[in-house]
Amino acid sequence: MYYAYVIVGGQKVDLQVDTGSAMMALPQKDCSTCRKGDNRYDPTKSSTSAEVQCHDKKCSSSRYGGGAGKPCKIKLPHAESAYAKGVLM
């Protein structure tokens, strides 16, 4: 597993790098399954953070829930039957 330390929305975040995906998943502050001790993203501390809504064209076939007026929930498959899920930002 590879990790990168990035600045997103003015916050230092420990990012798990997935070389098999075109998307980047940021561990958020309330993640219960993330690696302990990592710096996590807090969208409330960013002035530009916004959830993508289900009706937006950015909400692709990787979504697993939501609906009109709701955030685009996504599920990103990884190797060995693992996956990451969250909200598209």
PDB file of N, CA and C in Angstrom:
ATOM      1  N   MET A   1       0.848  -1.171   0.000  1.00  0.00           N
ATOM      2  CA  MET A   1       0.000   0.000   0.000  1.00  0.00           C
ATOM      3  C   MET A   1       0.897   1.239   0.000  1.00  0.00           C
ATOM      4  N   TYR A   2       0.551   2.203  -0.819  1.00  0.00           N
ATOM      5  CA  TYR A   2       1.305   3.441  -0.920  1.00  0.00           C
ATOM      6  C   TYR A   2       0.476   4.590  -0.358  1.00  0.00           C
ATOM      7  N   TYR A   3       1.151   5.526   0.305  1.00  0.00           N
ATOM      8  CA  TYR A   3       0.495   6.703   0.857  1.00  0.00           C
ATOM      9  C   TYR A   3       1.212   7.956   0.377  1.00  0.00           C
ATOM     10  N   ALA A   4       0.447   8.999   0.176  1.00  0.00           N
ATOM     11  CA  ALA A   4       0.989  10.306  -0.173  1.00  0.00           C
ATOM     12  C   ALA A   4       0.428  11.307   0.826  1.00  0.00           C
ATOM     13  N   TYR A   5       1.195  12.317   1.099  1.00  0.00           N
ATOM     14  CA  TYR A   5       0.751  13.376   2.004  1.00  0.00           C
ATOM     15  C   TYR A   5       0.459  14.593   1.139  1.00  0.00           C
ATOM     16  N   VAL A   6      -0.800  14.988   1.086  1.00  0.00           N
ATOM     17  CA  VAL A   6      -1.237  16.061   0.205  1.00  0.00           C
ATOM     18  C   VAL A   6      -1.950  17.153   1.001  1.00  0.00           C
ATOM     19  N   ILE A   7      -2.027  18.324   0.406  1.00  0.00           N
ATOM     20  CA  ILE A   7      -2.782  19.436   0.991  1.00  0.00           C
ATOM     21  C   ILE A   7      -4.047  19.612   0.154  1.00  0.00           C
ATOM     22  N   VAL A   8      -5.206  19.482   0.794  1.00  0.00           N
ATOM     23  CA  VAL A   8      -6.497  19.633   0.126  1.00  0.00           C
ATOM     24  C   VAL A   8      -7.346  20.575   0.967  1.00  0.00           C
ATOM     25  N   GLY A   9      -7.821  21.654   0.356  1.00  0.00           N
ATOM     26  CA  GLY A   9      -8.636  22.607   1.097  1.00  0.00           C
ATOM     27  C   GLY A   9      -7.893  23.200   2.285  1.00  0.00           C
ATOM     28  N   GLY A  10      -6.562  23.329   2.153  1.00  0.00           N
ATOM     29  CA  GLY A  10      -5.742  23.881   3.227  1.00  0.00           C
ATOM     30  C   GLY A  10      -5.443  22.902   4.343  1.00  0.00           C
ATOM     31  N   GLN A  11      -5.762  21.613   4.150  1.00  0.00           N
ATOM     32  CA  GLN A  11      -5.568  20.600   5.187  1.00  0.00           C
ATOM     33  C   GLN A  11      -4.583  19.536   4.718  1.00  0.00           C
ATOM     34  N   LYS A  12      -3.692  19.118   5.611  1.00  0.00           N
ATOM     35  CA  LYS A  12      -2.789  18.016   5.309  1.00  0.00           C
ATOM     36  C   LYS A  12      -3.573  16.711   5.471  1.00  0.00           C
ATOM     37  N   VAL A  13      -3.567  15.879   4.414  1.00  0.00           N
ATOM     38  CA  VAL A  13      -4.325  14.635   4.402  1.00  0.00           C
ATOM     39  C   VAL A  13      -3.399  13.487   4.021  1.00  0.00           C
ATOM     40  N   ASP A  14      -3.505  12.372   4.727  1.00  0.00           N
ATOM     41  CA  ASP A  14      -2.777  11.159   4.372  1.00  0.00           C
ATOM     42  C   ASP A  14      -3.629  10.405   3.362  1.00  0.00           C
ATOM     43  N   LEU A  15      -3.184  10.379   2.123  1.00  0.00           N
ATOM     44  CA  LEU A  15      -3.953   9.822   1.015  1.00  0.00           C
ATOM     45  C   LEU A  15      -3.448   8.436   0.665  1.00  0.00           C
ATOM     46  N   GLN A  16      -4.340   7.470   0.657  1.00  0.00           N
ATOM     47  CA  GLN A  16      -4.000   6.119   0.214  1.00  0.00           C
ATOM     48  C   GLN A  16      -4.054   6.120  -1.311  1.00  0.00           C
ATOM     49  N   VAL A  17      -2.940   5.793  -1.950  1.00  0.00           N
ATOM     50  CA  VAL A  17      -2.851   5.846  -3.405  1.00  0.00           C
ATOM     51  C   VAL A  17      -3.317   4.532  -4.008  1.00  0.00           C
ATOM     52  N   ASP A  18      -4.288   4.619  -4.908  1.00  0.00           N
ATOM     53  CA  ASP A  18      -4.799   3.457  -5.632  1.00  0.00           C
ATOM     54  C   ASP A  18      -4.413   3.634  -7.091  1.00  0.00           C
ATOM     55  N   THR A  19      -3.410   2.904  -7.537  1.00  0.00           N
ATOM     56  CA  THR A  19      -2.922   3.058  -8.905  1.00  0.00           C
ATOM     57  C   THR A  19      -3.860   2.454  -9.943  1.00  0.00           C
ATOM     58  N   GLY A  20      -4.886   1.734  -9.510  1.00  0.00           N
ATOM     59  CA  GLY A  20      -5.815   1.110 -10.438  1.00  0.00           C
ATOM     60  C   GLY A  20      -7.093   1.892 -10.640  1.00  0.00           C
ATOM     61  N   SER A  21      -7.151   3.132 -10.176  1.00  0.00           N
ATOM     62  CA  SER A  21      -8.365   3.921 -10.288  1.00  0.00           C
ATOM     63  C   SER A  21      -8.049   5.319 -10.792  1.00  0.00           C
ATOM     64  N   ALA A  22      -8.977   5.889 -11.538  1.00  0.00           N
ATOM     65  CA  ALA A  22      -8.825   7.261 -12.012  1.00  0.00           C
ATOM     66  C   ALA A  22      -9.327   8.262 -10.979  1.00  0.00           C
ATOM     67  N   MET A  23      -9.970   7.785  -9.929  1.00  0.00           N
ATOM     68  CA  MET A  23     -10.514   8.663  -8.897  1.00  0.00           C
ATOM     69  C   MET A  23      -9.617   8.640  -7.663  1.00  0.00           C
ATOM     70  N   MET A  24      -9.697   9.703  -6.889  1.00  0.00           N
ATOM     71  CA  MET A  24      -8.935   9.806  -5.654  1.00  0.00           C
ATOM     72  C   MET A  24      -9.925   9.811  -4.492  1.00  0.00           C
ATOM     73  N   ALA A  25      -9.703   8.968  -3.520  1.00  0.00           N
ATOM     74  CA  ALA A  25     -10.587   8.905  -2.354  1.00  0.00           C
ATOM     75  C   ALA A  25      -9.868   9.502  -1.155  1.00  0.00           C
ATOM     76  N   LEU A  26     -10.447  10.534  -0.583  1.00  0.00           N
ATOM     77  CA  LEU A  26      -9.878  11.161   0.611  1.00  0.00           C
ATOM     78  C   LEU A  26     -10.538  10.587   1.857  1.00  0.00           C
ATOM     79  N   PRO A  27      -9.739  10.151   2.820  1.00  0.00           N
ATOM     80  CA  PRO A  27     -10.345   9.701   4.072  1.00  0.00           C
ATOM     81  C   PRO A  27     -10.903  10.910   4.820  1.00  0.00           C
ATOM     82  N   GLN A  28     -12.183  10.845   5.177  1.00  0.00           N
ATOM     83  CA  GLN A  28     -12.799  11.968   5.875  1.00  0.00           C
ATOM     84  C   GLN A  28     -12.732  11.784   7.377  1.00  0.00           C
ATOM     85  N   LYS A  29     -12.956  12.872   8.088  1.00  0.00           N
ATOM     86  CA  LYS A  29     -12.784  12.912   9.545  1.00  0.00           C
ATOM     87  C   LYS A  29     -13.592  11.859  10.287  1.00  0.00           C
ATOM     88  N   ASP A  30     -14.726  11.448   9.754  1.00  0.00           N
ATOM     89  CA  ASP A  30     -15.591  10.493  10.458  1.00  0.00           C
ATOM     90  C   ASP A  30     -15.421   9.047   9.981  1.00  0.00           C
ATOM     91  N   CYS A  31     -14.339   8.747   9.267  1.00  0.00           N
ATOM     92  CA  CYS A  31     -14.098   7.397   8.752  1.00  0.00           C
ATOM     93  C   CYS A  31     -13.775   6.435   9.898  1.00  0.00           C
ATOM     94  N   SER A  32     -14.575   5.390  10.020  1.00  0.00           N
ATOM     95  CA  SER A  32     -14.363   4.426  11.112  1.00  0.00           C
ATOM     96  C   SER A  32     -13.483   3.256  10.697  1.00  0.00           C
ATOM     97  N   THR A  33     -13.231   3.089   9.400  1.00  0.00           N
ATOM     98  CA  THR A  33     -12.415   1.969   8.937  1.00  0.00           C
ATOM     99  C   THR A  33     -11.057   2.400   8.394  1.00  0.00           C
ATOM    100  N   CYS A  34     -10.742   3.682   8.507  1.00  0.00           N
ATOM    101  CA  CYS A  34      -9.462   4.187   8.019  1.00  0.00           C
ATOM    102  C   CYS A  34      -8.337   3.849   8.998  1.00  0.00           C
ATOM    103  N   ARG A  35      -7.130   3.907   8.472  1.00  0.00           N
ATOM    104  CA  ARG A  35      -5.947   3.640   9.276  1.00  0.00           C
ATOM    105  C   ARG A  35      -5.868   4.646  10.421  1.00  0.00           C
ATOM    106  N   LYS A  36      -5.667   4.146  11.609  1.00  0.00           N
ATOM    107  CA  LYS A  36      -5.606   5.012  12.798  1.00  0.00           C
ATOM    108  C   LYS A  36      -4.388   5.924  12.745  1.00  0.00           C
ATOM    109  N   GLY A  37      -4.554   7.150  13.197  1.00  0.00           N
ATOM    110  CA  GLY A  37      -3.455   8.111  13.254  1.00  0.00           C
ATOM    111  C   GLY A  37      -3.266   8.937  12.001  1.00  0.00           C
ATOM    112  N   ASP A  38      -3.975   8.594  10.908  1.00  0.00           N
ATOM    113  CA  ASP A  38      -3.841   9.360   9.667  1.00  0.00           C
ATOM    114  C   ASP A  38      -4.532  10.712   9.786  1.00  0.00           C
ATOM    115  N   ASN A  39      -3.999  11.683   9.067  1.00  0.00           N
ATOM    116  CA  ASN A  39      -4.666  12.980   8.941  1.00  0.00           C
ATOM    117  C   ASN A  39      -5.807  12.795   7.960  1.00  0.00           C
ATOM    118  N   ARG A  40      -7.008  13.225   8.341  1.00  0.00           N
ATOM    119  CA  ARG A  40      -8.194  13.047   7.505  1.00  0.00           C
ATOM    120  C   ARG A  40      -8.784  14.386   7.096  1.00  0.00           C
ATOM    121  N   TYR A  41      -9.477  14.367   5.984  1.00  0.00           N
ATOM    122  CA  TYR A  41     -10.087  15.569   5.424  1.00  0.00           C
ATOM    123  C   TYR A  41     -11.377  15.913   6.165  1.00  0.00           C
ATOM    124  N   ASP A  42     -11.520  17.195   6.481  1.00  0.00           N
ATOM    125  CA  ASP A  42     -12.737  17.686   7.125  1.00  0.00           C
ATOM    126  C   ASP A  42     -13.377  18.708   6.184  1.00  0.00           C
ATOM    127  N   PRO A  43     -14.429  18.326   5.451  1.00  0.00           N
ATOM    128  CA  PRO A  43     -15.026  19.248   4.477  1.00  0.00           C
ATOM    129  C   PRO A  43     -15.581  20.526   5.096  1.00  0.00           C
ATOM    130  N   THR A  44     -15.890  20.508   6.379  1.00  0.00           N
ATOM    131  CA  THR A  44     -16.415  21.722   7.018  1.00  0.00           C
ATOM    132  C   THR A  44     -15.337  22.779   7.209  1.00  0.00           C
ATOM    133  N   LYS A  45     -14.065  22.392   7.072  1.00  0.00           N
ATOM    134  CA  LYS A  45     -12.960  23.343   7.222  1.00  0.00           C
ATOM    135  C   LYS A  45     -12.488  23.906   5.890  1.00  0.00           C
ATOM    136  N   SER A  46     -13.171  23.553   4.815  1.00  0.00           N
ATOM    137  CA  SER A  46     -12.820  24.053   3.489  1.00  0.00           C
ATOM    138  C   SER A  46     -13.923  24.977   2.990  1.00  0.00           C
ATOM    139  N   SER A  47     -13.527  26.138   2.487  1.00  0.00           N
ATOM    140  CA  SER A  47     -14.525  27.093   1.985  1.00  0.00           C
ATOM    141  C   SER A  47     -15.023  26.724   0.590  1.00  0.00           C
ATOM    142  N   THR A  48     -14.367  25.786  -0.078  1.00  0.00           N
ATOM    143  CA  THR A  48     -14.755  25.433  -1.440  1.00  0.00           C
ATOM    144  C   THR A  48     -15.304  24.010  -1.571  1.00  0.00           C
ATOM    145  N   SER A  49     -15.332  23.251  -0.506  1.00  0.00           N
ATOM    146  CA  SER A  49     -15.815  21.869  -0.570  1.00  0.00           C
ATOM    147  C   SER A  49     -17.315  21.833  -0.819  1.00  0.00           C
ATOM    148  N   ALA A  50     -17.731  20.947  -1.731  1.00  0.00           N
ATOM    149  CA  ALA A  50     -19.153  20.803  -2.032  1.00  0.00           C
ATOM    150  C   ALA A  50     -19.431  19.381  -2.500  1.00  0.00           C
ATOM    151  N   GLU A  51     -20.544  18.821  -2.066  1.00  0.00           N
ATOM    152  CA  GLU A  51     -20.952  17.498  -2.515  1.00  0.00           C
ATOM    153  C   GLU A  51     -21.555  17.596  -3.907  1.00  0.00           C
ATOM    154  N   VAL A  52     -21.248  16.614  -4.768  1.00  0.00           N
ATOM    155  CA  VAL A  52     -21.860  16.524  -6.091  1.00  0.00           C
ATOM    156  C   VAL A  52     -23.224  15.868  -5.910  1.00  0.00           C
ATOM    157  N   GLN A  53     -24.240  16.440  -6.521  1.00  0.00           N
ATOM    158  CA  GLN A  53     -25.595  15.906  -6.409  1.00  0.00           C
ATOM    159  C   GLN A  53     -25.827  14.811  -7.461  1.00  0.00           C
ATOM    160  N   CYS A  54     -26.748  13.905  -7.168  1.00  0.00           N
ATOM    161  CA  CYS A  54     -27.023  12.755  -8.041  1.00  0.00           C
ATOM    162  C   CYS A  54     -27.379  13.140  -9.474  1.00  0.00           C
ATOM    163  N   HIS A  55     -28.072  14.241  -9.654  1.00  0.00           N
ATOM    164  CA  HIS A  55     -28.491  14.629 -11.004  1.00  0.00           C
ATOM    165  C   HIS A  55     -27.342  15.217 -11.831  1.00  0.00           C
ATOM    166  N   ASP A  56     -26.200  15.497 -11.214  1.00  0.00           N
ATOM    167  CA  ASP A  56     -25.050  16.080 -11.910  1.00  0.00           C
ATOM    168  C   ASP A  56     -24.417  15.039 -12.834  1.00  0.00           C
ATOM    169  N   LYS A  57     -23.931  15.467 -13.999  1.00  0.00           N
ATOM    170  CA  LYS A  57     -23.318  14.526 -14.939  1.00  0.00           C
ATOM    171  C   LYS A  57     -22.031  13.907 -14.397  1.00  0.00           C
ATOM    172  N   LYS A  58     -21.418  14.504 -13.373  1.00  0.00           N
ATOM    173  CA  LYS A  58     -20.221  13.933 -12.759  1.00  0.00           C
ATOM    174  C   LYS A  58     -20.542  12.676 -11.947  1.00  0.00           C
ATOM    175  N   CYS A  59     -21.791  12.509 -11.590  1.00  0.00           N
ATOM    176  CA  CYS A  59     -22.226  11.346 -10.816  1.00  0.00           C
ATOM    177  C   CYS A  59     -22.394  10.189 -11.790  1.00  0.00           C
ATOM    178  N   SER A  60     -21.366   9.351 -11.875  1.00  0.00           N
ATOM    179  CA  SER A  60     -21.299   8.311 -12.904  1.00  0.00           C
ATOM    180  C   SER A  60     -21.930   6.993 -12.477  1.00  0.00           C
ATOM    181  N   SER A  61     -21.642   5.965 -13.231  1.00  0.00           N
ATOM    182  CA  SER A  61     -22.182   4.635 -12.957  1.00  0.00           C
ATOM    183  C   SER A  61     -21.571   4.000 -11.713  1.00  0.00           C
ATOM    184  N   SER A  62     -20.548   4.621 -11.119  1.00  0.00           N
ATOM    185  CA  SER A  62     -19.939   4.077  -9.900  1.00  0.00           C
ATOM    186  C   SER A  62     -20.783   4.389  -8.670  1.00  0.00           C
ATOM    187  N   ARG A  63     -21.913   5.060  -8.856  1.00  0.00           N
ATOM    188  CA  ARG A  63     -22.735   5.410  -7.702  1.00  0.00           C
ATOM    189  C   ARG A  63     -23.584   4.234  -7.241  1.00  0.00           C
ATOM    190  N   TYR A  64     -23.914   4.227  -5.974  1.00  0.00           N
ATOM    191  CA  TYR A  64     -24.724   3.131  -5.444  1.00  0.00           C
ATOM    192  C   TYR A  64     -25.962   3.600  -4.711  1.00  0.00           C
ATOM    193  N   GLY A  65     -26.210   4.869  -4.679  1.00  0.00           N
ATOM    194  CA  GLY A  65     -27.401   5.337  -3.979  1.00  0.00           C
ATOM    195  C   GLY A  65     -27.609   6.812  -4.205  1.00  0.00           C
ATOM    196  N   GLY A  66     -28.629   7.320  -3.595  1.00  0.00           N
ATOM    197  CA  GLY A  66     -28.936   8.731  -3.729  1.00  0.00           C
ATOM    198  C   GLY A  66     -30.261   8.908  -4.436  1.00  0.00           C
ATOM    199  N   GLY A  67     -30.376   9.947  -5.180  1.00  0.00           N
ATOM    200  CA  GLY A  67     -31.593  10.271  -5.896  1.00  0.00           C
ATOM    201  C   GLY A  67     -31.682  11.770  -6.040  1.00  0.00           C
ATOM    202  N   ALA A  68     -32.730  12.251  -6.645  1.00  0.00           N
ATOM    203  CA  ALA A  68     -32.893  13.682  -6.887  1.00  0.00           C
ATOM    204  C   ALA A  68     -32.706  14.481  -5.596  1.00  0.00           C
ATOM    205  N   GLY A  69     -31.852  15.491  -5.666  1.00  0.00           N
ATOM    206  CA  GLY A  69     -31.623  16.366  -4.524  1.00  0.00           C
ATOM    207  C   GLY A  69     -30.755  15.758  -3.430  1.00  0.00           C
ATOM    208  N   LYS A  70     -30.132  14.606  -3.702  1.00  0.00           N
ATOM    209  CA  LYS A  70     -29.292  13.940  -2.706  1.00  0.00           C
ATOM    210  C   LYS A  70     -27.858  13.876  -3.206  1.00  0.00           C
ATOM    211  N   PRO A  71     -26.891  13.728  -2.279  1.00  0.00           N
ATOM    212  CA  PRO A  71     -25.489  13.616  -2.699  1.00  0.00           C
ATOM    213  C   PRO A  71     -25.242  12.341  -3.496  1.00  0.00           C
ATOM    214  N   CYS A  72     -24.268  12.401  -4.386  1.00  0.00           N
ATOM    215  CA  CYS A  72     -23.884  11.262  -5.209  1.00  0.00           C
ATOM    216  C   CYS A  72     -23.021  10.313  -4.375  1.00  0.00           C
ATOM    217  N   LYS A  73     -23.587   9.202  -3.973  1.00  0.00           N
ATOM    218  CA  LYS A  73     -22.849   8.198  -3.210  1.00  0.00           C
ATOM    219  C   LYS A  73     -22.135   7.285  -4.190  1.00  0.00           C
ATOM    220  N   ILE A  74     -20.854   7.017  -3.920  1.00  0.00           N
ATOM    221  CA  ILE A  74     -20.065   6.196  -4.830  1.00  0.00           C
ATOM    222  C   ILE A  74     -19.445   5.008  -4.108  1.00  0.00           C
ATOM    223  N   LYS A  75     -19.129   3.996  -4.887  1.00  0.00           N
ATOM    224  CA  LYS A  75     -18.453   2.802  -4.383  1.00  0.00           C
ATOM    225  C   LYS A  75     -17.338   2.480  -5.375  1.00  0.00           C
ATOM    226  N   LEU A  76     -16.087   2.554  -4.909  1.00  0.00           N
ATOM    227  CA  LEU A  76     -14.941   2.330  -5.774  1.00  0.00           C
ATOM    228  C   LEU A  76     -14.329   0.970  -5.471  1.00  0.00           C
ATOM    229  N   PRO A  77     -14.380   0.037  -6.425  1.00  0.00           N
ATOM    230  CA  PRO A  77     -13.808  -1.288  -6.190  1.00  0.00           C
ATOM    231  C   PRO A  77     -12.285  -1.251  -6.197  1.00  0.00           C
ATOM    232  N   HIS A  78     -11.680  -2.066  -5.364  1.00  0.00           N
ATOM    233  CA  HIS A  78     -10.236  -2.253  -5.316  1.00  0.00           C
ATOM    234  C   HIS A  78      -9.956  -3.723  -5.583  1.00  0.00           C
ATOM    235  N   ALA A  79      -8.713  -4.087  -5.583  1.00  0.00           N
ATOM    236  CA  ALA A  79      -8.332  -5.491  -5.756  1.00  0.00           C
ATOM    237  C   ALA A  79      -8.796  -6.311  -4.555  1.00  0.00           C
ATOM    238  N   GLU A  80      -8.900  -7.599  -4.745  1.00  0.00           N
ATOM    239  CA  GLU A  80      -9.204  -8.546  -3.670  1.00  0.00           C
ATOM    240  C   GLU A  80     -10.553  -8.282  -2.991  1.00  0.00           C
ATOM    241  N   SER A  81     -11.550  -7.881  -3.747  1.00  0.00           N
ATOM    242  CA  SER A  81     -12.922  -7.690  -3.266  1.00  0.00           C
ATOM    243  C   SER A  81     -13.087  -6.555  -2.259  1.00  0.00           C
ATOM    244  N   ALA A  82     -12.092  -5.728  -2.098  1.00  0.00           N
ATOM    245  CA  ALA A  82     -12.202  -4.572  -1.193  1.00  0.00           C
ATOM    246  C   ALA A  82     -12.789  -3.392  -1.970  1.00  0.00           C
ATOM    247  N   TYR A  83     -13.285  -2.411  -1.252  1.00  0.00           N
ATOM    248  CA  TYR A  83     -13.814  -1.221  -1.907  1.00  0.00           C
ATOM    249  C   TYR A  83     -13.799  -0.056  -0.927  1.00  0.00           C
ATOM    250  N   ALA A  84     -13.891   1.128  -1.507  1.00  0.00           N
ATOM    251  CA  ALA A  84     -14.049   2.352  -0.734  1.00  0.00           C
ATOM    252  C   ALA A  84     -15.392   2.934  -1.128  1.00  0.00           C
ATOM    253  N   LYS A  85     -16.110   3.482  -0.171  1.00  0.00           N
ATOM    254  CA  LYS A  85     -17.372   4.129  -0.515  1.00  0.00           C
ATOM    255  C   LYS A  85     -17.458   5.460   0.196  1.00  0.00           C
ATOM    256  N   GLY A  86     -18.244   6.351  -0.393  1.00  0.00           N
ATOM    257  CA  GLY A  86     -18.383   7.675   0.181  1.00  0.00           C
ATOM    258  C   GLY A  86     -19.247   8.554  -0.698  1.00  0.00           C
ATOM    259  N   VAL A  87     -19.027   9.840  -0.589  1.00  0.00           N
ATOM    260  CA  VAL A  87     -19.795  10.833  -1.329  1.00  0.00           C
ATOM    261  C   VAL A  87     -18.845  11.549  -2.273  1.00  0.00           C
ATOM    262  N   LEU A  88     -19.282  11.722  -3.521  1.00  0.00           N
ATOM    263  CA  LEU A  88     -18.475  12.431  -4.505  1.00  0.00           C
ATOM    264  C   LEU A  88     -18.460  13.911  -4.159  1.00  0.00           C
ATOM    265  N   MET A  89     -17.257  14.466  -4.104  1.00  0.00           N
ATOM    266  CA  MET A  89     -17.089  15.887  -3.757  1.00  0.00           C
ATOM    267  C   MET A  89     -16.550  16.631  -4.947  1.00  0.00           C
TER     268      MET A  89
END
